[in-house]
Every structure is written in C-alpha cells, then in structure tokens.
Amino acid sequence: MESRSANIVAGEASETDDDETEVISIEKGIPHLSTSGPVPLSYTFAREAVESSAAASATTGVASDEEMQRMHVRHTMNERCISLLNEFIHNTVISVSKQLNETDNLLMKSQMVLQNTTTAVKKMNDNTHQMESKLQDILTFNFVPNINI
C-alpha cells in the first residue's frame, strides 16, 4: 500500500489557484529531509548547527573545575544581585508606598474639611441674603403714619 501526500514546501504561496501539486510517495522520502539529491541551503545550515552543537557537547563531557568555579561565582553574584534588589525594593518602594498612603489619607481628610467649609459658606451666603432683605424692609418701612392736618 502506497501512501500519498502533497509536497509541502516552505516559502510563499503561489498567486494562482490552478497550480498542480506534485504528489510523492512517503516511501521515497521527503525531499528536504532525505540525504540524496539537492538539499535546500537553510536546512543544511540548520542540520550543521545541530550536529556541531551535539558534537561539541559530546567532546567536552564534564565541565572543568575552572568552569565550575566561574559558574559558582556567577551564581553567587546572581544571589547577591537578587538580595540587593529585594533590599532596594523593601527600603525604597515600600517606604514610598507608605508615604503615599499617608498622603492619600491626609488628602481625603482635607477634602472632607473643604466640603464642610463649602457647605457652611453656602449657608452663610443664604443667611446674609436673608438679613439684607430684612434690613432693606426695615429701612423702607414707615413706622409713623402720615398725618395730615
């Protein structure tokens, strides 16, 4: 039984819909993965990179003492950086956030005082207008009637 699949090639799609798809059998192999025939350049580079990294890791084997010491020093430096960063966050950011919270509370209290003051000033303004109108009434009112003789 021979399985057939469409040849899938990486790249741009064609602009026409009537392109014929080339059908190859799986038994022959996929062209870009088979070792026979021309191999696209990008796949060659990828294969060489994987093979060279595998060969390099196989030849080095166990890391030398010098590399282990460097890794230990880097690890120690990383731990120190993390502790300094945590200390910075604790000392600076947390203290600033506390100050901001205190400032926010003070601003809320100030806002309440200003709202109360605004209400009091409005009441005082209304009362002043009432007093003005009553004073005007008193000044314009005739207490003594006109007597004609």
N, C-alpha and C. Protein backbone atom coordinates (compact mmCIF):
# COMPACT_ATOMS: atom_id res chain seq x y z
N MET A 1 0.84 -1.17 0.00
CA MET A 1 0.00 0.00 0.00
C MET A 1 0.89 1.23 0.00
N GLU A 2 0.65 2.11 -0.90
CA GLU A 2 1.50 3.29 -1.03
C GLU A 2 0.71 4.51 -0.57
N SER A 3 1.26 5.23 0.45
CA SER A 3 0.61 6.44 0.93
C SER A 3 1.05 7.61 0.08
N ARG A 4 0.14 8.51 -0.17
CA ARG A 4 0.48 9.68 -0.98
C ARG A 4 0.10 10.93 -0.18
N SER A 5 0.98 11.95 -0.24
CA SER A 5 0.68 13.23 0.40
C SER A 5 1.18 14.34 -0.51
N ALA A 6 0.63 15.51 -0.35
CA ALA A 6 1.04 16.66 -1.18
C ALA A 6 2.43 17.11 -0.75
N ASN A 7 3.22 17.58 -1.70
CA ASN A 7 4.55 18.09 -1.42
C ASN A 7 4.40 19.48 -0.80
N ILE A 8 4.82 19.63 0.46
CA ILE A 8 4.72 20.90 1.16
C ILE A 8 6.10 21.54 1.17
N VAL A 9 6.18 22.75 0.64
CA VAL A 9 7.45 23.45 0.54
C VAL A 9 7.34 24.75 1.32
N ALA A 10 8.34 25.02 2.16
CA ALA A 10 8.34 26.26 2.94
C ALA A 10 8.56 27.44 2.00
N GLY A 11 7.87 28.53 2.23
CA GLY A 11 8.04 29.73 1.42
C GLY A 11 6.71 30.38 1.16
N GLU A 12 6.65 31.19 0.11
CA GLU A 12 5.43 31.92 -0.21
C GLU A 12 4.46 31.02 -0.97
N ALA A 13 3.17 31.31 -0.81
CA ALA A 13 2.15 30.60 -1.57
C ALA A 13 2.09 31.18 -2.97
N SER A 14 1.68 30.35 -3.89
CA SER A 14 1.58 30.84 -5.26
C SER A 14 0.39 31.76 -5.39
N GLU A 15 0.40 32.59 -6.42
CA GLU A 15 -0.67 33.56 -6.60
C GLU A 15 -1.82 33.00 -7.41
N THR A 16 -1.64 31.85 -8.02
CA THR A 16 -2.72 31.26 -8.81
C THR A 16 -3.24 30.03 -8.09
N ASP A 17 -4.53 29.76 -8.33
CA ASP A 17 -5.16 28.61 -7.68
C ASP A 17 -5.04 27.34 -8.50
N ASP A 18 -4.64 27.45 -9.75
CA ASP A 18 -4.64 26.28 -10.62
C ASP A 18 -3.28 25.58 -10.69
N ASP A 19 -2.39 25.84 -9.74
CA ASP A 19 -1.10 25.15 -9.71
C ASP A 19 -1.33 23.68 -9.39
N GLU A 20 -0.61 22.85 -10.10
CA GLU A 20 -0.71 21.44 -9.83
C GLU A 20 0.20 21.09 -8.66
N THR A 21 -0.31 20.27 -7.74
CA THR A 21 0.52 19.85 -6.61
C THR A 21 1.20 18.55 -7.00
N GLU A 22 2.47 18.48 -6.71
CA GLU A 22 3.24 17.29 -7.02
C GLU A 22 3.02 16.28 -5.90
N VAL A 23 2.66 15.07 -6.24
CA VAL A 23 2.40 14.03 -5.25
C VAL A 23 3.59 13.10 -5.25
N ILE A 24 4.16 12.87 -4.06
CA ILE A 24 5.30 11.96 -3.93
C ILE A 24 4.93 10.88 -2.94
N SER A 25 5.55 9.78 -3.04
CA SER A 25 5.23 8.70 -2.11
C SER A 25 6.10 8.84 -0.87
N ILE A 26 5.57 8.45 0.25
CA ILE A 26 6.29 8.56 1.51
C ILE A 26 7.47 7.60 1.52
N GLU A 27 7.37 6.51 0.79
CA GLU A 27 8.45 5.53 0.76
C GLU A 27 9.72 6.12 0.15
N LYS A 28 9.56 7.09 -0.79
CA LYS A 28 10.72 7.71 -1.40
C LYS A 28 11.38 8.69 -0.44
N GLY A 29 10.63 9.20 0.48
CA GLY A 29 11.18 10.15 1.45
C GLY A 29 10.78 11.56 1.10
N ILE A 30 10.86 12.42 2.09
CA ILE A 30 10.55 13.83 1.89
C ILE A 30 11.80 14.49 1.37
N PRO A 31 11.71 15.26 0.28
CA PRO A 31 12.90 15.78 -0.39
C PRO A 31 13.82 16.60 0.51
N HIS A 32 13.31 17.45 1.35
CA HIS A 32 14.20 18.31 2.12
C HIS A 32 14.81 17.60 3.32
N LEU A 33 14.35 16.39 3.65
CA LEU A 33 14.94 15.65 4.75
C LEU A 33 15.78 14.46 4.28
N SER A 34 15.65 14.10 3.03
CA SER A 34 16.42 12.95 2.55
C SER A 34 17.85 13.38 2.28
N THR A 35 18.76 12.42 2.36
CA THR A 35 20.17 12.73 2.15
C THR A 35 20.55 12.70 0.68
N SER A 36 19.74 12.09 -0.15
CA SER A 36 20.07 12.05 -1.57
C SER A 36 19.43 13.23 -2.27
N GLY A 37 20.07 13.73 -3.28
CA GLY A 37 19.53 14.84 -4.06
C GLY A 37 19.90 16.18 -3.45
N PRO A 38 19.50 17.25 -4.12
CA PRO A 38 19.83 18.60 -3.62
C PRO A 38 19.05 18.92 -2.35
N VAL A 39 19.74 19.53 -1.42
CA VAL A 39 19.14 19.91 -0.15
C VAL A 39 19.11 21.43 -0.07
N PRO A 40 17.95 22.00 0.29
CA PRO A 40 17.90 23.47 0.40
C PRO A 40 18.93 23.97 1.40
N LEU A 41 19.46 25.16 1.12
CA LEU A 41 20.54 25.74 1.90
C LEU A 41 20.16 25.95 3.36
N SER A 42 18.93 26.44 3.63
CA SER A 42 18.53 26.72 5.01
C SER A 42 18.50 25.45 5.85
N TYR A 43 18.07 24.33 5.25
CA TYR A 43 18.04 23.09 6.00
C TYR A 43 19.45 22.57 6.27
N THR A 44 20.38 22.82 5.33
CA THR A 44 21.77 22.40 5.51
C THR A 44 22.37 23.13 6.70
N PHE A 45 22.16 24.44 6.77
CA PHE A 45 22.70 25.21 7.88
C PHE A 45 22.11 24.75 9.21
N ALA A 46 20.82 24.49 9.23
CA ALA A 46 20.18 24.04 10.47
C ALA A 46 20.73 22.69 10.90
N ARG A 47 20.87 21.78 9.94
CA ARG A 47 21.38 20.45 10.26
C ARG A 47 22.82 20.55 10.77
N GLU A 48 23.66 21.39 10.12
CA GLU A 48 25.05 21.55 10.54
C GLU A 48 25.13 22.15 11.94
N ALA A 49 24.26 23.11 12.26
CA ALA A 49 24.27 23.73 13.58
C ALA A 49 23.92 22.72 14.66
N VAL A 50 22.93 21.89 14.40
CA VAL A 50 22.53 20.88 15.38
C VAL A 50 23.64 19.85 15.55
N GLU A 51 24.21 19.41 14.45
CA GLU A 51 25.27 18.39 14.52
C GLU A 51 26.51 18.94 15.22
N SER A 52 26.89 20.21 14.96
CA SER A 52 28.09 20.77 15.58
C SER A 52 27.87 20.98 17.08
N SER A 53 26.66 21.38 17.48
CA SER A 53 26.43 21.57 18.92
C SER A 53 26.40 20.22 19.64
N ALA A 54 25.87 19.20 18.99
CA ALA A 54 25.86 17.87 19.59
C ALA A 54 27.28 17.33 19.71
N ALA A 55 28.11 17.56 18.68
CA ALA A 55 29.50 17.09 18.71
C ALA A 55 30.29 17.84 19.78
N ALA A 56 30.05 19.13 19.93
CA ALA A 56 30.78 19.92 20.92
C ALA A 56 30.42 19.48 22.32
N SER A 57 29.15 19.20 22.56
CA SER A 57 28.77 18.77 23.91
C SER A 57 29.28 17.38 24.21
N ALA A 58 29.41 16.55 23.20
CA ALA A 58 29.91 15.20 23.42
C ALA A 58 31.41 15.21 23.70
N THR A 59 32.17 16.11 23.07
CA THR A 59 33.63 16.14 23.26
C THR A 59 34.01 16.77 24.59
N THR A 60 33.24 17.76 25.07
CA THR A 60 33.63 18.42 26.32
C THR A 60 33.34 17.53 27.52
N GLY A 61 32.26 16.77 27.48
CA GLY A 61 31.95 15.87 28.58
C GLY A 61 31.66 16.64 29.85
N VAL A 62 32.41 16.37 30.90
CA VAL A 62 32.24 17.02 32.19
C VAL A 62 32.96 18.37 32.17
N ALA A 63 32.34 19.37 32.76
CA ALA A 63 32.94 20.71 32.79
C ALA A 63 34.18 20.71 33.68
N SER A 64 35.12 21.54 33.31
CA SER A 64 36.36 21.61 34.08
C SER A 64 36.12 22.33 35.41
N ASP A 65 37.11 22.22 36.32
CA ASP A 65 37.00 22.89 37.62
C ASP A 65 36.92 24.40 37.46
N GLU A 66 37.66 24.92 36.49
CA GLU A 66 37.64 26.37 36.27
C GLU A 66 36.25 26.84 35.86
N GLU A 67 35.61 26.07 34.98
CA GLU A 67 34.25 26.42 34.57
C GLU A 67 33.29 26.31 35.74
N MET A 68 33.48 25.30 36.57
CA MET A 68 32.62 25.13 37.74
C MET A 68 32.78 26.31 38.70
N GLN A 69 34.03 26.77 38.88
CA GLN A 69 34.27 27.93 39.74
C GLN A 69 33.61 29.18 39.17
N ARG A 70 33.71 29.36 37.85
CA ARG A 70 33.07 30.52 37.22
C ARG A 70 31.55 30.45 37.39
N MET A 71 31.01 29.26 37.22
CA MET A 71 29.56 29.11 37.40
C MET A 71 29.16 29.39 38.84
N HIS A 72 29.99 28.95 39.79
CA HIS A 72 29.70 29.21 41.20
C HIS A 72 29.77 30.71 41.51
N VAL A 73 30.79 31.39 40.94
CA VAL A 73 30.93 32.84 41.15
C VAL A 73 29.73 33.57 40.54
N ARG A 74 29.31 33.15 39.34
CA ARG A 74 28.13 33.77 38.72
C ARG A 74 26.89 33.55 39.57
N HIS A 75 26.75 32.33 40.08
CA HIS A 75 25.59 32.02 40.92
C HIS A 75 25.60 32.90 42.18
N THR A 76 26.78 33.06 42.79
CA THR A 76 26.90 33.89 43.98
C THR A 76 26.58 35.35 43.64
N MET A 77 27.08 35.82 42.50
CA MET A 77 26.80 37.20 42.09
C MET A 77 25.30 37.39 41.83
N ASN A 78 24.67 36.41 41.21
CA ASN A 78 23.22 36.49 40.96
C ASN A 78 22.44 36.55 42.27
N GLU A 79 22.82 35.71 43.23
CA GLU A 79 22.15 35.73 44.53
C GLU A 79 22.33 37.08 45.21
N ARG A 80 23.53 37.65 45.12
CA ARG A 80 23.80 38.96 45.73
C ARG A 80 22.97 40.06 45.04
N CYS A 81 22.89 40.00 43.72
CA CYS A 81 22.08 40.98 42.98
C CYS A 81 20.62 40.88 43.38
N ILE A 82 20.13 39.67 43.53
CA ILE A 82 18.74 39.47 43.93
C ILE A 82 18.51 40.01 45.33
N SER A 83 19.44 39.75 46.23
CA SER A 83 19.26 40.25 47.60
C SER A 83 19.32 41.77 47.64
N LEU A 84 20.23 42.38 46.85
CA LEU A 84 20.30 43.85 46.79
C LEU A 84 19.04 44.44 46.18
N LEU A 85 18.51 43.79 45.16
CA LEU A 85 17.27 44.25 44.55
C LEU A 85 16.11 44.17 45.54
N ASN A 86 16.03 43.07 46.28
CA ASN A 86 14.99 42.94 47.30
C ASN A 86 15.14 43.99 48.38
N GLU A 87 16.37 44.26 48.79
CA GLU A 87 16.61 45.29 49.80
C GLU A 87 16.21 46.67 49.27
N PHE A 88 16.55 46.96 48.02
CA PHE A 88 16.15 48.22 47.40
C PHE A 88 14.63 48.36 47.38
N ILE A 89 13.97 47.29 46.97
CA ILE A 89 12.51 47.31 46.92
C ILE A 89 11.94 47.54 48.31
N HIS A 90 12.49 46.81 49.28
CA HIS A 90 11.97 46.93 50.64
C HIS A 90 12.21 48.33 51.20
N ASN A 91 13.41 48.84 51.06
CA ASN A 91 13.75 50.15 51.64
C ASN A 91 13.12 51.31 50.89
N THR A 92 13.12 51.26 49.60
CA THR A 92 12.69 52.41 48.81
C THR A 92 11.21 52.35 48.47
N VAL A 93 10.82 51.32 47.80
CA VAL A 93 9.46 51.24 47.28
C VAL A 93 8.44 51.13 48.40
N ILE A 94 8.72 50.32 49.37
CA ILE A 94 7.75 50.13 50.46
C ILE A 94 7.62 51.40 51.29
N SER A 95 8.74 52.07 51.58
CA SER A 95 8.65 53.31 52.35
C SER A 95 7.91 54.39 51.56
N VAL A 96 8.15 54.45 50.26
CA VAL A 96 7.45 55.43 49.43
C VAL A 96 5.96 55.11 49.38
N SER A 97 5.62 53.85 49.29
CA SER A 97 4.20 53.49 49.25
C SER A 97 3.51 53.83 50.57
N LYS A 98 4.21 53.68 51.69
CA LYS A 98 3.64 54.08 52.98
C LYS A 98 3.40 55.58 53.01
N GLN A 99 4.37 56.35 52.53
CA GLN A 99 4.22 57.81 52.49
C GLN A 99 3.06 58.21 51.58
N LEU A 100 2.92 57.53 50.46
CA LEU A 100 1.81 57.83 49.56
C LEU A 100 0.47 57.52 50.21
N ASN A 101 0.40 56.43 50.96
CA ASN A 101 -0.84 56.10 51.66
C ASN A 101 -1.18 57.14 52.71
N GLU A 102 -0.16 57.59 53.46
CA GLU A 102 -0.39 58.63 54.47
C GLU A 102 -0.84 59.93 53.80
N THR A 103 -0.21 60.28 52.70
CA THR A 103 -0.58 61.49 51.96
C THR A 103 -2.01 61.37 51.44
N ASP A 104 -2.36 60.21 50.95
CA ASP A 104 -3.71 59.98 50.47
C ASP A 104 -4.73 60.17 51.59
N ASN A 105 -4.42 59.64 52.77
CA ASN A 105 -5.33 59.81 53.92
C ASN A 105 -5.47 61.28 54.29
N LEU A 106 -4.36 62.01 54.29
CA LEU A 106 -4.42 63.44 54.60
C LEU A 106 -5.24 64.21 53.55
N LEU A 107 -5.07 63.84 52.30
CA LEU A 107 -5.84 64.49 51.25
C LEU A 107 -7.34 64.20 51.38
N MET A 108 -7.67 62.99 51.78
CA MET A 108 -9.08 62.65 52.00
C MET A 108 -9.66 63.48 53.13
N LYS A 109 -8.90 63.63 54.22
CA LYS A 109 -9.36 64.45 55.34
C LYS A 109 -9.52 65.91 54.90
N SER A 110 -8.56 66.42 54.12
CA SER A 110 -8.63 67.79 53.63
C SER A 110 -9.85 67.98 52.74
N GLN A 111 -10.14 66.98 51.94
CA GLN A 111 -11.31 67.06 51.06
C GLN A 111 -12.59 67.15 51.89
N MET A 112 -12.68 66.36 52.96
CA MET A 112 -13.86 66.41 53.83
C MET A 112 -13.99 67.79 54.47
N VAL A 113 -12.89 68.35 54.94
CA VAL A 113 -12.91 69.68 55.57
C VAL A 113 -13.36 70.72 54.55
N LEU A 114 -12.84 70.64 53.32
CA LEU A 114 -13.22 71.60 52.28
C LEU A 114 -14.70 71.47 51.92
N GLN A 115 -15.21 70.25 51.87
CA GLN A 115 -16.63 70.07 51.58
C GLN A 115 -17.49 70.67 52.69
N ASN A 116 -17.11 70.44 53.94
CA ASN A 116 -17.84 71.03 55.07
C ASN A 116 -17.77 72.55 55.03
N THR A 117 -16.60 73.08 54.70
CA THR A 117 -16.43 74.53 54.61
C THR A 117 -17.29 75.10 53.50
N THR A 118 -17.34 74.43 52.36
CA THR A 118 -18.17 74.89 51.24
C THR A 118 -19.64 74.94 51.64
N THR A 119 -20.10 73.91 52.35
CA THR A 119 -21.49 73.88 52.81
C THR A 119 -21.76 75.03 53.77
N ALA A 120 -20.83 75.27 54.69
CA ALA A 120 -21.00 76.35 55.68
C ALA A 120 -21.02 77.70 54.99
N VAL A 121 -20.16 77.91 54.00
CA VAL A 121 -20.11 79.19 53.30
C VAL A 121 -21.41 79.41 52.52
N LYS A 122 -21.95 78.36 51.91
CA LYS A 122 -23.22 78.49 51.19
C LYS A 122 -24.35 78.88 52.14
N LYS A 123 -24.40 78.24 53.31
CA LYS A 123 -25.42 78.59 54.31
C LYS A 123 -25.24 80.04 54.76
N MET A 124 -24.02 80.44 55.00
CA MET A 124 -23.74 81.81 55.43
C MET A 124 -24.16 82.81 54.35
N ASN A 125 -23.93 82.46 53.11
CA ASN A 125 -24.32 83.33 51.99
C ASN A 125 -25.85 83.48 51.95
N ASP A 126 -26.55 82.36 52.11
CA ASP A 126 -28.02 82.42 52.12
C ASP A 126 -28.52 83.28 53.29
N ASN A 127 -27.93 83.06 54.46
CA ASN A 127 -28.32 83.84 55.64
C ASN A 127 -28.03 85.33 55.44
N THR A 128 -26.93 85.66 54.82
CA THR A 128 -26.58 87.06 54.57
C THR A 128 -27.59 87.70 53.63
N HIS A 129 -28.02 86.97 52.60
CA HIS A 129 -29.04 87.50 51.68
C HIS A 129 -30.37 87.72 52.40
N GLN A 130 -30.72 86.81 53.31
CA GLN A 130 -31.95 86.98 54.09
C GLN A 130 -31.86 88.22 54.99
N MET A 131 -30.72 88.37 55.64
CA MET A 131 -30.54 89.55 56.50
C MET A 131 -30.59 90.84 55.69
N GLU A 132 -29.99 90.82 54.51
CA GLU A 132 -30.02 92.01 53.65
C GLU A 132 -31.44 92.37 53.27
N SER A 133 -32.22 91.38 52.90
CA SER A 133 -33.60 91.68 52.50
C SER A 133 -34.42 92.19 53.69
N LYS A 134 -34.23 91.61 54.88
CA LYS A 134 -34.95 92.07 56.08
C LYS A 134 -34.51 93.48 56.47
N LEU A 135 -33.25 93.77 56.37
CA LEU A 135 -32.76 95.11 56.68
C LEU A 135 -33.34 96.13 55.70
N GLN A 136 -33.40 95.73 54.45
CA GLN A 136 -33.98 96.61 53.43
C GLN A 136 -35.46 96.87 53.74
N ASP A 137 -36.17 95.83 54.18
CA ASP A 137 -37.57 96.01 54.56
C ASP A 137 -37.70 96.96 55.75
N ILE A 138 -36.83 96.81 56.72
CA ILE A 138 -36.89 97.66 57.92
C ILE A 138 -36.60 99.11 57.56
N LEU A 139 -35.62 99.32 56.73
CA LEU A 139 -35.26 100.70 56.37
C LEU A 139 -36.32 101.38 55.51
N THR A 140 -37.02 100.64 54.72
CA THR A 140 -38.02 101.24 53.84
C THR A 140 -39.41 101.31 54.46
N PHE A 141 -39.61 100.69 55.59
CA PHE A 141 -40.93 100.67 56.22
C PHE A 141 -41.18 101.97 56.99
N ASN A 142 -42.40 102.50 56.88
CA ASN A 142 -42.79 103.70 57.59
C ASN A 142 -43.39 103.30 58.93
N PHE A 143 -42.72 103.69 59.98
CA PHE A 143 -43.25 103.39 61.30
C PHE A 143 -44.31 104.41 61.73
N VAL A 144 -44.08 105.59 61.34
CA VAL A 144 -45.01 106.67 61.70
C VAL A 144 -45.92 106.90 60.48
N PRO A 145 -47.21 106.81 60.72
CA PRO A 145 -48.10 107.05 59.57
C PRO A 145 -48.13 108.53 59.20
N ASN A 146 -48.45 108.80 58.00
CA ASN A 146 -48.55 110.17 57.54
C ASN A 146 -49.84 110.80 58.15
N ILE A 147 -49.61 111.85 58.81
CA ILE A 147 -50.74 112.56 59.43
C ILE A 147 -50.95 113.87 58.67
N ASN A 148 -52.15 114.03 58.23
CA ASN A 148 -52.49 115.25 57.51
C ASN A 148 -53.27 116.18 58.42
N ILE A 149 -52.89 117.37 58.52
CA ILE A 149 -53.60 118.31 59.39
C ILE A 149 -54.19 119.41 58.54
